[in-house]
Amino acid sequence: MTSRREVLLAAAGLAAGRGLWAAGRAKVHLGCQTNAWAIDPREFSNVLAVIRKVKDYGYDGFETGFANVQTQFDNPAAAKASLDAMGLKFIGVHIFLNQYDPATNVAPAELYERVSTGGAKLGAERLILSGTPPQDQAGRKRKAEALNRAGAFAQKLGLKLAYHNHGPEFANRGEEIEFLIRETDPAR
């Protein structure tokens, strides 16, 4: 039986062969979110066990929710050593909330600043933010501005910012996602 990973790598190879990526400039690395597993974040060994499974499945990296690693932010050396020993890329630390800042529709600045700082110490490459759709154009503008600020903060720490969208951003013919693409700085 062919694995999902083999299918994705084959598709990427076909895309590369069609000139979608310049030869030699891009290599596809597949990562896996850890949110598919029930993790007790109070015990970092549980997080490491899941990341070990991700490695055993053949992925190149992982993304995990901030709740899974925030207990390590104040004393990151041992945790980073354990993560580095796995041999996987720490693709990103993700902030997904049940409620977002009502003014910006993303995580509050004090949270993403704390998570960015802690994630960078643990070796994360990205801060990944989710959000909720605002009700109007002014709300979209505030959300885009907040994403730009978050990107600037993350960049100072050597992280890239990624926005993890969901279906609602594509409602109304993609009105919100297209707005965010236009109004956010790709350098951040």
C-alpha atoms as a PDB file:
ATOM      1  CA  MET A   1       0.000   0.000   0.000  1.00  0.00           C
ATOM      2  CA  THR A   2       1.233   3.486  -0.846  1.00  0.00           C
ATOM      3  CA  SER A   3       1.509   5.891   2.054  1.00  0.00           C
ATOM      4  CA  ARG A   4       0.166   9.439   2.065  1.00  0.00           C
ATOM      5  CA  ARG A   5       3.753  10.672   2.325  1.00  0.00           C
ATOM      6  CA  GLU A   6       4.759   8.765  -0.830  1.00  0.00           C
ATOM      7  CA  VAL A   7       1.811  10.253  -2.729  1.00  0.00           C
ATOM      8  CA  LEU A   8       2.692  13.794  -1.619  1.00  0.00           C
ATOM      9  CA  LEU A   9       6.354  13.351  -2.507  1.00  0.00           C
ATOM     10  CA  ALA A  10       5.415  11.941  -5.913  1.00  0.00           C
ATOM     11  CA  ALA A  11       3.073  14.881  -6.536  1.00  0.00           C
ATOM     12  CA  ALA A  12       5.806  17.304  -5.536  1.00  0.00           C
ATOM     13  CA  GLY A  13       8.207  15.548  -7.884  1.00  0.00           C
ATOM     14  CA  LEU A  14       5.740  15.872 -10.737  1.00  0.00           C
ATOM     15  CA  ALA A  15       5.232  19.550  -9.964  1.00  0.00           C
ATOM     16  CA  ALA A  16       8.982  20.108  -9.900  1.00  0.00           C
ATOM     17  CA  GLY A  17       9.313  18.322 -13.220  1.00  0.00           C
ATOM     18  CA  ARG A  18       6.785  20.743 -14.730  1.00  0.00           C
ATOM     19  CA  GLY A  19       8.891  23.726 -13.774  1.00  0.00           C
ATOM     20  CA  LEU A  20       6.821  24.838 -10.803  1.00  0.00           C
ATOM     21  CA  TRP A  21      10.043  24.975  -8.799  1.00  0.00           C
ATOM     22  CA  ALA A  22      13.417  25.862 -10.210  1.00  0.00           C
ATOM     23  CA  ALA A  23      15.662  22.818 -10.349  1.00  0.00           C
ATOM     24  CA  GLY A  24      17.949  22.579  -7.365  1.00  0.00           C
ATOM     25  CA  ARG A  25      16.334  25.507  -5.522  1.00  0.00           C
ATOM     26  CA  ALA A  26      13.558  23.754  -3.678  1.00  0.00           C
ATOM     27  CA  LYS A  27      13.191  20.490  -1.881  1.00  0.00           C
ATOM     28  CA  VAL A  28       9.898  19.450  -0.399  1.00  0.00           C
ATOM     29  CA  HIS A  29       9.991  18.690   3.317  1.00  0.00           C
ATOM     30  CA  LEU A  30       6.882  17.183   4.846  1.00  0.00           C
ATOM     31  CA  GLY A  31       5.843  17.922   8.376  1.00  0.00           C
ATOM     32  CA  CYS A  32       3.036  16.764  10.606  1.00  0.00           C
ATOM     33  CA  GLN A  33       0.877  18.537  13.172  1.00  0.00           C
ATOM     34  CA  THR A  34       0.875  16.900  16.571  1.00  0.00           C
ATOM     35  CA  ASN A  35      -2.768  17.838  17.202  1.00  0.00           C
ATOM     36  CA  ALA A  36      -3.913  14.470  15.856  1.00  0.00           C
ATOM     37  CA  TRP A  37      -2.771  12.875  19.121  1.00  0.00           C
ATOM     38  CA  ALA A  38      -4.110  13.363  22.619  1.00  0.00           C
ATOM     39  CA  ILE A  39      -1.198  14.959  24.463  1.00  0.00           C
ATOM     40  CA  ASP A  40      -0.982  15.801  28.135  1.00  0.00           C
ATOM     41  CA  PRO A  41       1.192  18.932  27.913  1.00  0.00           C
ATOM     42  CA  ARG A  42       1.923  18.861  31.648  1.00  0.00           C
ATOM     43  CA  GLU A  43       4.372  16.030  30.940  1.00  0.00           C
ATOM     44  CA  PHE A  44       6.886  16.994  28.256  1.00  0.00           C
ATOM     45  CA  SER A  45       7.732  13.304  27.839  1.00  0.00           C
ATOM     46  CA  ASN A  46       4.244  12.881  26.289  1.00  0.00           C
ATOM     47  CA  VAL A  47       5.053  15.568  23.737  1.00  0.00           C
ATOM     48  CA  LEU A  48       8.384  13.904  22.934  1.00  0.00           C
ATOM     49  CA  ALA A  49       6.672  10.517  22.502  1.00  0.00           C
ATOM     50  CA  VAL A  50       4.328  11.987  19.880  1.00  0.00           C
ATOM     51  CA  ILE A  51       7.185  13.708  18.058  1.00  0.00           C
ATOM     52  CA  ARG A  52       9.036  10.369  18.044  1.00  0.00           C
ATOM     53  CA  LYS A  53       5.967   8.850  16.310  1.00  0.00           C
ATOM     54  CA  VAL A  54       6.049  11.667  13.755  1.00  0.00           C
ATOM     55  CA  LYS A  55       9.681  10.767  13.051  1.00  0.00           C
ATOM     56  CA  ASP A  56       8.891   7.036  12.880  1.00  0.00           C
ATOM     57  CA  TYR A  57       6.234   7.803  10.252  1.00  0.00           C
ATOM     58  CA  GLY A  58       8.967   9.357   8.119  1.00  0.00           C
ATOM     59  CA  TYR A  59       8.136  13.047   8.342  1.00  0.00           C
ATOM     60  CA  ASP A  60      10.887  15.660   8.171  1.00  0.00           C
ATOM     61  CA  GLY A  61       9.423  17.963  10.803  1.00  0.00           C
ATOM     62  CA  PHE A  62       6.568  18.777  13.125  1.00  0.00           C
ATOM     63  CA  GLU A  63       4.271  21.587  14.173  1.00  0.00           C
ATOM     64  CA  THR A  64       2.803  21.662  17.641  1.00  0.00           C
ATOM     65  CA  GLY A  65       0.405  23.776  19.627  1.00  0.00           C
ATOM     66  CA  PHE A  66       1.926  26.232  22.088  1.00  0.00           C
ATOM     67  CA  ALA A  67       0.204  24.485  25.007  1.00  0.00           C
ATOM     68  CA  ASN A  68       2.401  21.440  24.341  1.00  0.00           C
ATOM     69  CA  VAL A  69       5.670  23.318  24.813  1.00  0.00           C
ATOM     70  CA  GLN A  70       4.943  26.384  26.960  1.00  0.00           C
ATOM     71  CA  THR A  71       5.954  24.570  30.158  1.00  0.00           C
ATOM     72  CA  GLN A  72       9.494  24.503  28.721  1.00  0.00           C
ATOM     73  CA  PHE A  73       9.786  28.235  27.933  1.00  0.00           C
ATOM     74  CA  ASP A  74      11.380  29.243  31.243  1.00  0.00           C
ATOM     75  CA  ASN A  75      14.030  26.522  31.174  1.00  0.00           C
ATOM     76  CA  PRO A  76      14.449  25.578  27.500  1.00  0.00           C
ATOM     77  CA  ALA A  77      17.950  24.051  27.318  1.00  0.00           C
ATOM     78  CA  ALA A  78      17.057  20.447  28.179  1.00  0.00           C
ATOM     79  CA  ALA A  79      13.875  20.517  26.092  1.00  0.00           C
ATOM     80  CA  LYS A  80      15.713  21.955  23.074  1.00  0.00           C
ATOM     81  CA  ALA A  81      18.386  19.274  23.412  1.00  0.00           C
ATOM     82  CA  SER A  82      15.687  16.584  23.452  1.00  0.00           C
ATOM     83  CA  LEU A  83      13.952  18.104  20.432  1.00  0.00           C
ATOM     84  CA  ASP A  84      17.236  18.488  18.535  1.00  0.00           C
ATOM     85  CA  ALA A  85      18.107  14.848  19.277  1.00  0.00           C
ATOM     86  CA  MET A  86      14.949  13.807  17.409  1.00  0.00           C
ATOM     87  CA  GLY A  87      16.519  15.030  14.182  1.00  0.00           C
ATOM     88  CA  LEU A  88      13.335  16.717  12.970  1.00  0.00           C
ATOM     89  CA  LYS A  89      12.715  20.311  11.990  1.00  0.00           C
ATOM     90  CA  PHE A  90      10.611  22.180  14.536  1.00  0.00           C
ATOM     91  CA  ILE A  91       8.539  23.755  11.775  1.00  0.00           C
ATOM     92  CA  GLY A  92       6.427  25.883  14.030  1.00  0.00           C
ATOM     93  CA  VAL A  93       4.651  26.578  17.259  1.00  0.00           C
ATOM     94  CA  HIS A  94       0.965  27.214  16.643  1.00  0.00           C
ATOM     95  CA  ILE A  95      -1.414  29.442  18.585  1.00  0.00           C
ATOM     96  CA  PHE A  96      -4.954  28.186  18.089  1.00  0.00           C
ATOM     97  CA  LEU A  97      -7.504  29.508  20.551  1.00  0.00           C
ATOM     98  CA  ASN A  98     -11.192  29.117  21.248  1.00  0.00           C
ATOM     99  CA  GLN A  99     -11.443  32.905  21.630  1.00  0.00           C
ATOM    100  CA  TYR A 100      -9.230  35.507  19.998  1.00  0.00           C
ATOM    101  CA  ASP A 101      -8.575  39.139  20.862  1.00  0.00           C
ATOM    102  CA  PRO A 102     -11.873  40.816  19.888  1.00  0.00           C
ATOM    103  CA  ALA A 103     -10.018  43.870  18.550  1.00  0.00           C
ATOM    104  CA  THR A 104      -7.692  41.952  16.204  1.00  0.00           C
ATOM    105  CA  ASN A 105      -9.270  38.508  15.756  1.00  0.00           C
ATOM    106  CA  VAL A 106      -5.893  36.840  16.406  1.00  0.00           C
ATOM    107  CA  ALA A 107      -3.994  36.008  19.593  1.00  0.00           C
ATOM    108  CA  PRO A 108      -3.292  38.927  21.908  1.00  0.00           C
ATOM    109  CA  ALA A 109       0.165  40.482  21.503  1.00  0.00           C
ATOM    110  CA  GLU A 110       1.324  39.444  24.974  1.00  0.00           C
ATOM    111  CA  LEU A 111       0.564  35.801  24.122  1.00  0.00           C
ATOM    112  CA  TYR A 112       2.217  35.703  20.694  1.00  0.00           C
ATOM    113  CA  GLU A 113       5.240  37.576  22.084  1.00  0.00           C
ATOM    114  CA  ARG A 114       5.638  35.030  24.892  1.00  0.00           C
ATOM    115  CA  VAL A 115       5.124  32.093  22.526  1.00  0.00           C
ATOM    116  CA  SER A 116       7.499  33.533  19.910  1.00  0.00           C
ATOM    117  CA  THR A 117      10.206  34.086  22.508  1.00  0.00           C
ATOM    118  CA  GLY A 118       9.781  30.622  24.014  1.00  0.00           C
ATOM    119  CA  GLY A 119       9.413  28.908  20.659  1.00  0.00           C
ATOM    120  CA  ALA A 120      12.608  30.513  19.350  1.00  0.00           C
ATOM    121  CA  LYS A 121      14.504  29.237  22.406  1.00  0.00           C
ATOM    122  CA  LEU A 122      13.230  25.736  21.644  1.00  0.00           C
ATOM    123  CA  GLY A 123      14.323  25.912  18.001  1.00  0.00           C
ATOM    124  CA  ALA A 124      11.008  26.630  16.264  1.00  0.00           C
ATOM    125  CA  GLU A 125      11.336  28.058  12.760  1.00  0.00           C
ATOM    126  CA  ARG A 126       7.913  29.731  12.707  1.00  0.00           C
ATOM    127  CA  LEU A 127       5.210  31.254  14.804  1.00  0.00           C
ATOM    128  CA  ILE A 128       1.905  30.040  13.374  1.00  0.00           C
ATOM    129  CA  LEU A 129      -1.238  32.016  14.144  1.00  0.00           C
ATOM    130  CA  SER A 130      -4.848  31.116  13.552  1.00  0.00           C
ATOM    131  CA  GLY A 131      -7.661  33.602  13.883  1.00  0.00           C
ATOM    132  CA  THR A 132     -11.316  34.231  13.379  1.00  0.00           C
ATOM    133  CA  PRO A 133     -12.966  36.334  10.669  1.00  0.00           C
ATOM    134  CA  PRO A 134     -13.829  39.920  11.613  1.00  0.00           C
ATOM    135  CA  GLN A 135     -17.319  41.248  10.995  1.00  0.00           C
ATOM    136  CA  ASP A 136     -16.387  44.154   8.741  1.00  0.00           C
ATOM    137  CA  GLN A 137     -13.700  45.861   6.657  1.00  0.00           C
ATOM    138  CA  ALA A 138     -12.366  47.835   9.650  1.00  0.00           C
ATOM    139  CA  GLY A 139     -11.941  44.548  11.525  1.00  0.00           C
ATOM    140  CA  ARG A 140     -10.078  43.033   8.581  1.00  0.00           C
ATOM    141  CA  LYS A 141      -7.757  46.027   8.584  1.00  0.00           C
ATOM    142  CA  ARG A 142      -7.054  45.616  12.319  1.00  0.00           C
ATOM    143  CA  LYS A 143      -6.417  41.903  11.793  1.00  0.00           C
ATOM    144  CA  ALA A 144      -3.949  42.544   8.958  1.00  0.00           C
ATOM    145  CA  GLU A 145      -2.169  45.194  11.045  1.00  0.00           C
ATOM    146  CA  ALA A 146      -1.951  42.757  13.980  1.00  0.00           C
ATOM    147  CA  LEU A 147      -0.478  40.081  11.701  1.00  0.00           C
ATOM    148  CA  ASN A 148       2.098  42.592  10.444  1.00  0.00           C
ATOM    149  CA  ARG A 149       3.047  43.471  14.039  1.00  0.00           C
ATOM    150  CA  ALA A 150       3.269  39.793  14.976  1.00  0.00           C
ATOM    151  CA  GLY A 151       5.431  39.148  11.921  1.00  0.00           C
ATOM    152  CA  ALA A 152       7.765  42.006  12.816  1.00  0.00           C
ATOM    153  CA  PHE A 153       8.089  40.725  16.383  1.00  0.00           C
ATOM    154  CA  ALA A 154       8.731  37.137  15.261  1.00  0.00           C
ATOM    155  CA  GLN A 155      11.256  38.326  12.688  1.00  0.00           C
ATOM    156  CA  LYS A 156      13.330  40.025  15.417  1.00  0.00           C
ATOM    157  CA  LEU A 157      13.674  36.588  17.029  1.00  0.00           C
ATOM    158  CA  GLY A 158      14.633  34.869  13.772  1.00  0.00           C
ATOM    159  CA  LEU A 159      11.197  33.318  13.251  1.00  0.00           C
ATOM    160  CA  LYS A 160       8.920  33.487  10.251  1.00  0.00           C
ATOM    161  CA  LEU A 161       5.211  34.095  10.753  1.00  0.00           C
ATOM    162  CA  ALA A 162       2.632  31.845   9.125  1.00  0.00           C
ATOM    163  CA  TYR A 163      -1.127  32.274   9.160  1.00  0.00           C
ATOM    164  CA  HIS A 164      -3.081  29.027   9.496  1.00  0.00           C
ATOM    165  CA  ASN A 165      -6.367  29.678   7.757  1.00  0.00           C
ATOM    166  CA  HIS A 166      -9.619  27.755   7.974  1.00  0.00           C
ATOM    167  CA  GLY A 167     -12.708  27.666   5.785  1.00  0.00           C
ATOM    168  CA  PRO A 168     -14.290  30.922   6.997  1.00  0.00           C
ATOM    169  CA  GLU A 169     -11.456  32.994   5.524  1.00  0.00           C
ATOM    170  CA  PHE A 170     -12.556  31.723   2.105  1.00  0.00           C
ATOM    171  CA  ALA A 171     -16.244  32.596   2.490  1.00  0.00           C
ATOM    172  CA  ASN A 172     -17.699  35.162   0.099  1.00  0.00           C
ATOM    173  CA  ARG A 173     -15.364  34.145  -2.730  1.00  0.00           C
ATOM    174  CA  GLY A 174     -12.285  34.384  -0.497  1.00  0.00           C
ATOM    175  CA  GLU A 175     -12.901  37.990   0.463  1.00  0.00           C
ATOM    176  CA  GLU A 176     -11.003  37.851   3.774  1.00  0.00           C
ATOM    177  CA  ILE A 177      -8.052  35.736   2.668  1.00  0.00           C
ATOM    178  CA  GLU A 178      -7.515  37.949  -0.360  1.00  0.00           C
ATOM    179  CA  PHE A 179      -7.668  41.032   1.862  1.00  0.00           C
ATOM    180  CA  LEU A 180      -5.075  39.511   4.207  1.00  0.00           C
ATOM    181  CA  ILE A 181      -2.822  38.664   1.269  1.00  0.00           C
ATOM    182  CA  ARG A 182      -3.034  42.250  -0.004  1.00  0.00           C
ATOM    183  CA  GLU A 183      -2.682  43.968   3.364  1.00  0.00           C
ATOM    184  CA  THR A 184       0.027  41.910   5.040  1.00  0.00           C
ATOM    185  CA  ASP A 185       3.715  42.434   4.362  1.00  0.00           C
ATOM    186  CA  PRO A 186       5.165  39.314   2.700  1.00  0.00           C
ATOM    187  CA  ALA A 187       8.592  40.194   4.150  1.00  0.00           C
ATOM    188  CA  ARG A 188       7.097  39.590   7.595  1.00  0.00           C
END
